[in-house]
Amino acid sequence: MDHARYDKRNYPIVGVQEGYGDWVRTYEQTVLDEMDLRLLERLETVNWAAPEVILDLACGTGRIGAWISQHSPAILDGVDITPQMLAVARAKDIYRALYTADITDTGLPAQTYDLCIQSLADEHLPALPPLYAEVARLTRPGGHFVLVGYHPQFLMAGMPTHYDRKPGEPVTIRSYVHLLSDHVKAARAAGWSLLEMDEGLIDEAWLQKKPKWQVYAGLPISFSMVWQKV
């Protein structure tokens, strides 16, 4: 469902490619590790040393890729729809190859990757089944899919994905609310089995960096899921 029905801020809305192409200037300074990297650190069912080849879907500036390169010896490829983001990722020199493509239709060869990962992008997809189906196509039998998402409850609380186009001019990147049950339904239909799930709350670590978010204390802001291809 379109996030607009829950939007309490009413910022101007821009498309994904336009938004991230503009946000690239400040993206790594504004996305906090508590949103996604902390959840990755807590995963218990992923042996990062095991995969030989990993695909970073919606790799953006390479934040997640940089974390992976510190925890895994695997060859790393990346896919993103935004050329400006890919230019930053390319400069990190951690990817074997980077592709400009939609994460639901990458055009990459089937059964190429031992593990696929996608962080903070599913909320921009109108529907989830194409994502889970494409990742199932790309992943080898027995492989894994790690997804870190923006929690639907936080979106429904009225807080969209947003950035400042210029100081004092916030804009929202078009988002959609996908319930956690929507993920389970889409994943099961594509042949995935859930191994692990976790949720990140607005806690003291968050409030130290964003004191104005006291009103959101205790709410879930992000989640992680680990799927295995059946």
C-alpha atoms as a PDB file:
ATOM      1  CA  MET A   1       0.000   0.000   0.000  1.00  0.00           C
ATOM      2  CA  ASP A   2       1.163   3.531  -0.756  1.00  0.00           C
ATOM      3  CA  HIS A   3       2.743   5.207   2.260  1.00  0.00           C
ATOM      4  CA  ALA A   4       0.905   8.470   1.491  1.00  0.00           C
ATOM      5  CA  ARG A   5      -2.110   7.390   3.549  1.00  0.00           C
ATOM      6  CA  TYR A   6       0.099   7.344   6.672  1.00  0.00           C
ATOM      7  CA  ASP A   7       2.294  10.339   5.862  1.00  0.00           C
ATOM      8  CA  LYS A   8       2.143  12.907   8.673  1.00  0.00           C
ATOM      9  CA  ARG A   9       4.900  15.151   7.337  1.00  0.00           C
ATOM     10  CA  ASN A  10       3.592  15.878   3.863  1.00  0.00           C
ATOM     11  CA  TYR A  11       7.003  16.535   2.354  1.00  0.00           C
ATOM     12  CA  PRO A  12       7.179  16.718  -1.445  1.00  0.00           C
ATOM     13  CA  ILE A  13       7.532  13.201  -2.903  1.00  0.00           C
ATOM     14  CA  VAL A  14      10.174  12.264  -5.482  1.00  0.00           C
ATOM     15  CA  GLY A  15      10.866   9.015  -7.327  1.00  0.00           C
ATOM     16  CA  VAL A  16      13.547   6.557  -6.276  1.00  0.00           C
ATOM     17  CA  GLN A  17      16.078   7.338  -8.991  1.00  0.00           C
ATOM     18  CA  GLU A  18      15.710  11.097  -8.617  1.00  0.00           C
ATOM     19  CA  GLY A  19      15.755  10.950  -4.828  1.00  0.00           C
ATOM     20  CA  TYR A  20      18.805   8.750  -4.371  1.00  0.00           C
ATOM     21  CA  GLY A  21      20.621  10.474  -7.204  1.00  0.00           C
ATOM     22  CA  ASP A  22      20.281  13.702  -5.238  1.00  0.00           C
ATOM     23  CA  TRP A  23      20.717  12.237  -1.733  1.00  0.00           C
ATOM     24  CA  VAL A  24      24.056  10.691  -2.723  1.00  0.00           C
ATOM     25  CA  ARG A  25      25.812  13.887  -1.617  1.00  0.00           C
ATOM     26  CA  THR A  26      24.935  13.343   2.060  1.00  0.00           C
ATOM     27  CA  TYR A  27      23.697   9.744   2.183  1.00  0.00           C
ATOM     28  CA  GLU A  28      26.569   8.183   4.115  1.00  0.00           C
ATOM     29  CA  GLN A  29      26.537  11.002   6.648  1.00  0.00           C
ATOM     30  CA  THR A  30      22.803  10.693   7.368  1.00  0.00           C
ATOM     31  CA  VAL A  31      22.065   6.943   7.388  1.00  0.00           C
ATOM     32  CA  LEU A  32      23.025   5.637  10.809  1.00  0.00           C
ATOM     33  CA  ASP A  33      24.641   2.244  11.416  1.00  0.00           C
ATOM     34  CA  GLU A  34      21.904   1.511  13.963  1.00  0.00           C
ATOM     35  CA  MET A  35      19.482   1.225  11.056  1.00  0.00           C
ATOM     36  CA  ASP A  36      21.119  -1.709   9.308  1.00  0.00           C
ATOM     37  CA  LEU A  37      24.714  -2.579  10.236  1.00  0.00           C
ATOM     38  CA  ARG A  38      23.800  -3.238  13.851  1.00  0.00           C
ATOM     39  CA  LEU A  39      21.219  -5.784  12.709  1.00  0.00           C
ATOM     40  CA  LEU A  40      23.760  -7.454  10.423  1.00  0.00           C
ATOM     41  CA  GLU A  41      26.169  -7.745  13.343  1.00  0.00           C
ATOM     42  CA  ARG A  42      23.502  -9.596  15.350  1.00  0.00           C
ATOM     43  CA  LEU A  43      22.714 -12.277  12.763  1.00  0.00           C
ATOM     44  CA  GLU A  44      23.327 -15.821  14.034  1.00  0.00           C
ATOM     45  CA  THR A  45      22.523 -18.018  11.028  1.00  0.00           C
ATOM     46  CA  VAL A  46      24.903 -16.524   8.450  1.00  0.00           C
ATOM     47  CA  ASN A  47      28.476 -17.722   8.154  1.00  0.00           C
ATOM     48  CA  TRP A  48      29.982 -14.819   6.226  1.00  0.00           C
ATOM     49  CA  ALA A  49      33.160 -16.813   5.569  1.00  0.00           C
ATOM     50  CA  ALA A  50      31.285 -19.506   3.624  1.00  0.00           C
ATOM     51  CA  PRO A  51      29.960 -17.800   0.438  1.00  0.00           C
ATOM     52  CA  GLU A  52      32.269 -17.624  -2.551  1.00  0.00           C
ATOM     53  CA  VAL A  53      30.219 -15.031  -4.453  1.00  0.00           C
ATOM     54  CA  ILE A  54      27.821 -12.453  -2.955  1.00  0.00           C
ATOM     55  CA  LEU A  55      25.444 -10.055  -4.699  1.00  0.00           C
ATOM     56  CA  ASP A  56      24.686  -6.709  -3.028  1.00  0.00           C
ATOM     57  CA  LEU A  57      21.261  -5.664  -4.329  1.00  0.00           C
ATOM     58  CA  ALA A  58      20.427  -1.937  -4.196  1.00  0.00           C
ATOM     59  CA  CYS A  59      24.068  -1.497  -3.206  1.00  0.00           C
ATOM     60  CA  GLY A  60      23.886   2.301  -3.299  1.00  0.00           C
ATOM     61  CA  THR A  61      27.132   3.939  -2.240  1.00  0.00           C
ATOM     62  CA  GLY A  62      28.587   0.645  -1.072  1.00  0.00           C
ATOM     63  CA  ARG A  63      27.937   1.021   2.663  1.00  0.00           C
ATOM     64  CA  ILE A  64      26.785  -2.571   2.964  1.00  0.00           C
ATOM     65  CA  GLY A  65      29.462  -3.766   0.547  1.00  0.00           C
ATOM     66  CA  ALA A  66      32.145  -2.196   2.714  1.00  0.00           C
ATOM     67  CA  TRP A  67      30.761  -4.021   5.760  1.00  0.00           C
ATOM     68  CA  ILE A  68      30.675  -7.318   3.840  1.00  0.00           C
ATOM     69  CA  SER A  69      34.259  -6.889   2.653  1.00  0.00           C
ATOM     70  CA  GLN A  70      35.325  -6.640   6.297  1.00  0.00           C
ATOM     71  CA  HIS A  71      33.471  -9.830   7.262  1.00  0.00           C
ATOM     72  CA  SER A  72      33.763 -12.067   4.208  1.00  0.00           C
ATOM     73  CA  PRO A  73      36.446 -13.071   1.686  1.00  0.00           C
ATOM     74  CA  ALA A  74      33.763 -13.569  -0.989  1.00  0.00           C
ATOM     75  CA  ILE A  75      33.812 -12.005  -4.432  1.00  0.00           C
ATOM     76  CA  LEU A  76      31.288  -9.167  -4.358  1.00  0.00           C
ATOM     77  CA  ASP A  77      29.052  -7.815  -7.132  1.00  0.00           C
ATOM     78  CA  GLY A  78      26.563  -4.958  -6.820  1.00  0.00           C
ATOM     79  CA  VAL A  79      23.363  -3.798  -8.488  1.00  0.00           C
ATOM     80  CA  ASP A  80      21.657  -0.440  -8.195  1.00  0.00           C
ATOM     81  CA  ILE A  81      19.290   1.666 -10.271  1.00  0.00           C
ATOM     82  CA  THR A  82      21.046   4.963  -9.542  1.00  0.00           C
ATOM     83  CA  PRO A  83      24.241   5.787 -11.509  1.00  0.00           C
ATOM     84  CA  GLN A  84      25.289   8.490  -9.041  1.00  0.00           C
ATOM     85  CA  MET A  85      25.232   5.996  -6.182  1.00  0.00           C
ATOM     86  CA  LEU A  86      27.143   3.428  -8.224  1.00  0.00           C
ATOM     87  CA  ALA A  87      29.874   5.971  -8.939  1.00  0.00           C
ATOM     88  CA  VAL A  88      30.525   6.302  -5.193  1.00  0.00           C
ATOM     89  CA  ALA A  89      30.440   2.515  -4.740  1.00  0.00           C
ATOM     90  CA  ARG A  90      32.877   2.034  -7.623  1.00  0.00           C
ATOM     91  CA  ALA A  91      35.389   4.370  -5.999  1.00  0.00           C
ATOM     92  CA  LYS A  92      35.517   2.089  -2.936  1.00  0.00           C
ATOM     93  CA  ASP A  93      37.160  -0.605  -5.088  1.00  0.00           C
ATOM     94  CA  ILE A  94      35.467  -3.479  -3.251  1.00  0.00           C
ATOM     95  CA  TYR A  95      33.219  -4.841  -6.039  1.00  0.00           C
ATOM     96  CA  ARG A  96      34.220  -7.170  -8.853  1.00  0.00           C
ATOM     97  CA  ALA A  97      31.424  -5.729 -10.984  1.00  0.00           C
ATOM     98  CA  LEU A  98      28.674  -3.140 -10.620  1.00  0.00           C
ATOM     99  CA  TYR A  99      25.493  -3.172 -12.697  1.00  0.00           C
ATOM    100  CA  THR A 100      22.913  -0.469 -13.333  1.00  0.00           C
ATOM    101  CA  ALA A 101      19.669  -2.413 -13.129  1.00  0.00           C
ATOM    102  CA  ASP A 102      16.355  -2.847 -11.343  1.00  0.00           C
ATOM    103  CA  ILE A 103      16.735  -5.253  -8.415  1.00  0.00           C
ATOM    104  CA  THR A 104      13.555  -7.065  -9.455  1.00  0.00           C
ATOM    105  CA  ASP A 105      14.866  -7.673 -12.984  1.00  0.00           C
ATOM    106  CA  THR A 106      18.658  -7.617 -12.949  1.00  0.00           C
ATOM    107  CA  GLY A 107      19.329  -9.529 -16.157  1.00  0.00           C
ATOM    108  CA  LEU A 108      22.177 -11.371 -14.411  1.00  0.00           C
ATOM    109  CA  PRO A 109      22.729 -15.126 -14.961  1.00  0.00           C
ATOM    110  CA  ALA A 110      20.635 -17.550 -12.916  1.00  0.00           C
ATOM    111  CA  GLN A 111      22.057 -19.447  -9.927  1.00  0.00           C
ATOM    112  CA  THR A 112      25.208 -17.337  -9.822  1.00  0.00           C
ATOM    113  CA  TYR A 113      25.394 -16.328  -6.155  1.00  0.00           C
ATOM    114  CA  ASP A 114      25.786 -18.169  -2.857  1.00  0.00           C
ATOM    115  CA  LEU A 115      24.304 -15.255  -0.929  1.00  0.00           C
ATOM    116  CA  CYS A 116      22.327 -12.178  -1.898  1.00  0.00           C
ATOM    117  CA  ILE A 117      21.786  -9.223   0.382  1.00  0.00           C
ATOM    118  CA  GLN A 118      19.517  -6.205   0.164  1.00  0.00           C
ATOM    119  CA  SER A 119      19.301  -3.384   2.674  1.00  0.00           C
ATOM    120  CA  LEU A 120      16.840  -0.506   2.998  1.00  0.00           C
ATOM    121  CA  ALA A 121      15.263  -0.726  -0.436  1.00  0.00           C
ATOM    122  CA  ASP A 122      12.215  -2.988  -0.257  1.00  0.00           C
ATOM    123  CA  GLU A 123      10.036  -0.101   0.965  1.00  0.00           C
ATOM    124  CA  HIS A 124      10.455   1.560  -2.430  1.00  0.00           C
ATOM    125  CA  LEU A 125       9.004  -1.423  -4.324  1.00  0.00           C
ATOM    126  CA  PRO A 126       5.287  -1.357  -5.164  1.00  0.00           C
ATOM    127  CA  ALA A 127       5.176  -5.146  -4.623  1.00  0.00           C
ATOM    128  CA  LEU A 128       7.441  -7.752  -3.029  1.00  0.00           C
ATOM    129  CA  PRO A 129       6.897 -10.936  -5.104  1.00  0.00           C
ATOM    130  CA  PRO A 130       9.107  -9.764  -8.013  1.00  0.00           C
ATOM    131  CA  LEU A 131      12.007  -9.163  -5.611  1.00  0.00           C
ATOM    132  CA  TYR A 132      11.843 -12.553  -3.934  1.00  0.00           C
ATOM    133  CA  ALA A 133      11.366 -14.313  -7.269  1.00  0.00           C
ATOM    134  CA  GLU A 134      14.356 -12.575  -8.869  1.00  0.00           C
ATOM    135  CA  VAL A 135      16.636 -13.264  -5.910  1.00  0.00           C
ATOM    136  CA  ALA A 136      15.545 -16.915  -5.931  1.00  0.00           C
ATOM    137  CA  ARG A 137      16.502 -17.060  -9.608  1.00  0.00           C
ATOM    138  CA  LEU A 138      19.934 -15.586  -8.910  1.00  0.00           C
ATOM    139  CA  THR A 139      20.749 -17.723  -5.864  1.00  0.00           C
ATOM    140  CA  ARG A 140      22.217 -21.210  -5.966  1.00  0.00           C
ATOM    141  CA  PRO A 141      20.277 -24.061  -4.300  1.00  0.00           C
ATOM    142  CA  GLY A 142      20.810 -23.932  -0.552  1.00  0.00           C
ATOM    143  CA  GLY A 143      21.981 -20.315  -0.780  1.00  0.00           C
ATOM    144  CA  HIS A 144      20.843 -17.449   1.396  1.00  0.00           C
ATOM    145  CA  PHE A 145      19.087 -14.109   1.086  1.00  0.00           C
ATOM    146  CA  VAL A 146      19.685 -11.519   3.806  1.00  0.00           C
ATOM    147  CA  LEU A 147      17.197  -8.652   3.810  1.00  0.00           C
ATOM    148  CA  VAL A 148      17.297  -5.602   6.064  1.00  0.00           C
ATOM    149  CA  GLY A 149      14.235  -3.402   5.731  1.00  0.00           C
ATOM    150  CA  TYR A 150      12.695  -0.191   6.974  1.00  0.00           C
ATOM    151  CA  HIS A 151      10.086  -1.405   9.441  1.00  0.00           C
ATOM    152  CA  PRO A 152       6.474  -1.057   8.222  1.00  0.00           C
ATOM    153  CA  GLN A 153       5.372   0.018  11.695  1.00  0.00           C
ATOM    154  CA  PHE A 154       7.691   3.021  11.533  1.00  0.00           C
ATOM    155  CA  LEU A 155       6.338   3.977   8.121  1.00  0.00           C
ATOM    156  CA  MET A 156       2.797   3.609   9.455  1.00  0.00           C
ATOM    157  CA  ALA A 157       3.742   5.885  12.360  1.00  0.00           C
ATOM    158  CA  GLY A 158       4.136   8.615   9.747  1.00  0.00           C
ATOM    159  CA  MET A 159       7.905   8.685   9.223  1.00  0.00           C
ATOM    160  CA  PRO A 160       8.824   8.252   5.538  1.00  0.00           C
ATOM    161  CA  THR A 161      12.238   7.759   3.986  1.00  0.00           C
ATOM    162  CA  HIS A 162      13.385  11.349   3.521  1.00  0.00           C
ATOM    163  CA  TYR A 163      16.410  13.595   3.096  1.00  0.00           C
ATOM    164  CA  ASP A 164      17.120  17.320   2.790  1.00  0.00           C
ATOM    165  CA  ARG A 165      17.350  18.370  -0.860  1.00  0.00           C
ATOM    166  CA  LYS A 166      18.943  21.524   0.506  1.00  0.00           C
ATOM    167  CA  PRO A 167      19.111  22.864   4.078  1.00  0.00           C
ATOM    168  CA  GLY A 168      15.579  23.240   5.389  1.00  0.00           C
ATOM    169  CA  GLU A 169      13.996  21.568   2.340  1.00  0.00           C
ATOM    170  CA  PRO A 170      13.129  17.944   3.196  1.00  0.00           C
ATOM    171  CA  VAL A 171      11.659  15.629   0.568  1.00  0.00           C
ATOM    172  CA  THR A 172      10.276  12.096   0.731  1.00  0.00           C
ATOM    173  CA  ILE A 173      11.343   9.250  -1.559  1.00  0.00           C
ATOM    174  CA  ARG A 174       8.246   7.369  -2.648  1.00  0.00           C
ATOM    175  CA  SER A 175       7.667   4.463  -0.311  1.00  0.00           C
ATOM    176  CA  TYR A 176       5.222   1.610   0.176  1.00  0.00           C
ATOM    177  CA  VAL A 177       4.139  -0.191   3.319  1.00  0.00           C
ATOM    178  CA  HIS A 178       4.777  -3.941   3.203  1.00  0.00           C
ATOM    179  CA  LEU A 179       3.675  -5.853   6.273  1.00  0.00           C
ATOM    180  CA  LEU A 180       6.033  -8.488   7.624  1.00  0.00           C
ATOM    181  CA  SER A 181       3.431 -11.060   6.607  1.00  0.00           C
ATOM    182  CA  ASP A 182       3.696  -9.739   3.043  1.00  0.00           C
ATOM    183  CA  HIS A 183       7.386 -10.655   3.101  1.00  0.00           C
ATOM    184  CA  VAL A 184       6.624 -14.163   4.344  1.00  0.00           C
ATOM    185  CA  LYS A 185       3.949 -14.745   1.704  1.00  0.00           C
ATOM    186  CA  ALA A 186       6.133 -13.473  -1.152  1.00  0.00           C
ATOM    187  CA  ALA A 187       9.194 -15.389   0.024  1.00  0.00           C
ATOM    188  CA  ARG A 188       7.402 -18.700   0.528  1.00  0.00           C
ATOM    189  CA  ALA A 189       5.837 -18.426  -2.917  1.00  0.00           C
ATOM    190  CA  ALA A 190       9.343 -18.045  -4.388  1.00  0.00           C
ATOM    191  CA  GLY A 191      10.750 -21.071  -2.575  1.00  0.00           C
ATOM    192  CA  TRP A 192      12.418 -19.472   0.431  1.00  0.00           C
ATOM    193  CA  SER A 193      12.507 -20.806   3.994  1.00  0.00           C
ATOM    194  CA  LEU A 194      12.897 -18.369   6.912  1.00  0.00           C
ATOM    195  CA  LEU A 195      15.903 -19.057   9.154  1.00  0.00           C
ATOM    196  CA  GLU A 196      16.033 -15.940  11.310  1.00  0.00           C
ATOM    197  CA  MET A 197      14.354 -12.611  11.972  1.00  0.00           C
ATOM    198  CA  ASP A 198      15.226  -9.655  14.168  1.00  0.00           C
ATOM    199  CA  GLU A 199      13.913  -6.137  14.743  1.00  0.00           C
ATOM    200  CA  GLY A 200      15.717  -2.944  15.703  1.00  0.00           C
ATOM    201  CA  LEU A 201      14.053  -0.505  18.094  1.00  0.00           C
ATOM    202  CA  ILE A 202      14.524   3.189  18.724  1.00  0.00           C
ATOM    203  CA  ASP A 203      16.646   2.819  21.869  1.00  0.00           C
ATOM    204  CA  GLU A 204      19.210   4.827  23.794  1.00  0.00           C
ATOM    205  CA  ALA A 205      21.823   4.417  21.058  1.00  0.00           C
ATOM    206  CA  TRP A 206      19.396   6.012  18.612  1.00  0.00           C
ATOM    207  CA  LEU A 207      18.331   8.765  20.993  1.00  0.00           C
ATOM    208  CA  GLN A 208      21.927   9.764  21.677  1.00  0.00           C
ATOM    209  CA  LYS A 209      22.245  10.594  17.980  1.00  0.00           C
ATOM    210  CA  LYS A 210      18.668  11.783  17.429  1.00  0.00           C
ATOM    211  CA  PRO A 211      17.374  13.267  20.719  1.00  0.00           C
ATOM    212  CA  LYS A 212      14.307  14.703  18.962  1.00  0.00           C
ATOM    213  CA  TRP A 213      13.143  11.152  18.271  1.00  0.00           C
ATOM    214  CA  GLN A 214      12.159  10.626  21.911  1.00  0.00           C
ATOM    215  CA  VAL A 215       8.558  10.510  20.709  1.00  0.00           C
ATOM    216  CA  TYR A 216       9.451   7.343  18.760  1.00  0.00           C
ATOM    217  CA  ALA A 217      11.248   5.610  21.645  1.00  0.00           C
ATOM    218  CA  GLY A 218      10.475   1.906  21.740  1.00  0.00           C
ATOM    219  CA  LEU A 219       9.116   1.704  18.201  1.00  0.00           C
ATOM    220  CA  PRO A 220      10.661  -0.745  15.712  1.00  0.00           C
ATOM    221  CA  ILE A 221      12.462   1.117  12.927  1.00  0.00           C
ATOM    222  CA  SER A 222      14.149  -1.689  10.990  1.00  0.00           C
ATOM    223  CA  PHE A 223      14.121  -5.464  10.690  1.00  0.00           C
ATOM    224  CA  SER A 224      16.266  -8.261   9.322  1.00  0.00           C
ATOM    225  CA  MET A 225      15.352 -11.594   7.766  1.00  0.00           C
ATOM    226  CA  VAL A 226      17.566 -14.484   6.683  1.00  0.00           C
ATOM    227  CA  TRP A 227      16.081 -16.795   4.057  1.00  0.00           C
ATOM    228  CA  GLN A 228      17.432 -20.027   2.628  1.00  0.00           C
ATOM    229  CA  LYS A 229      16.592 -21.258  -0.863  1.00  0.00           C
ATOM    230  CA  VAL A 230      14.790 -24.583  -0.554  1.00  0.00           C
END
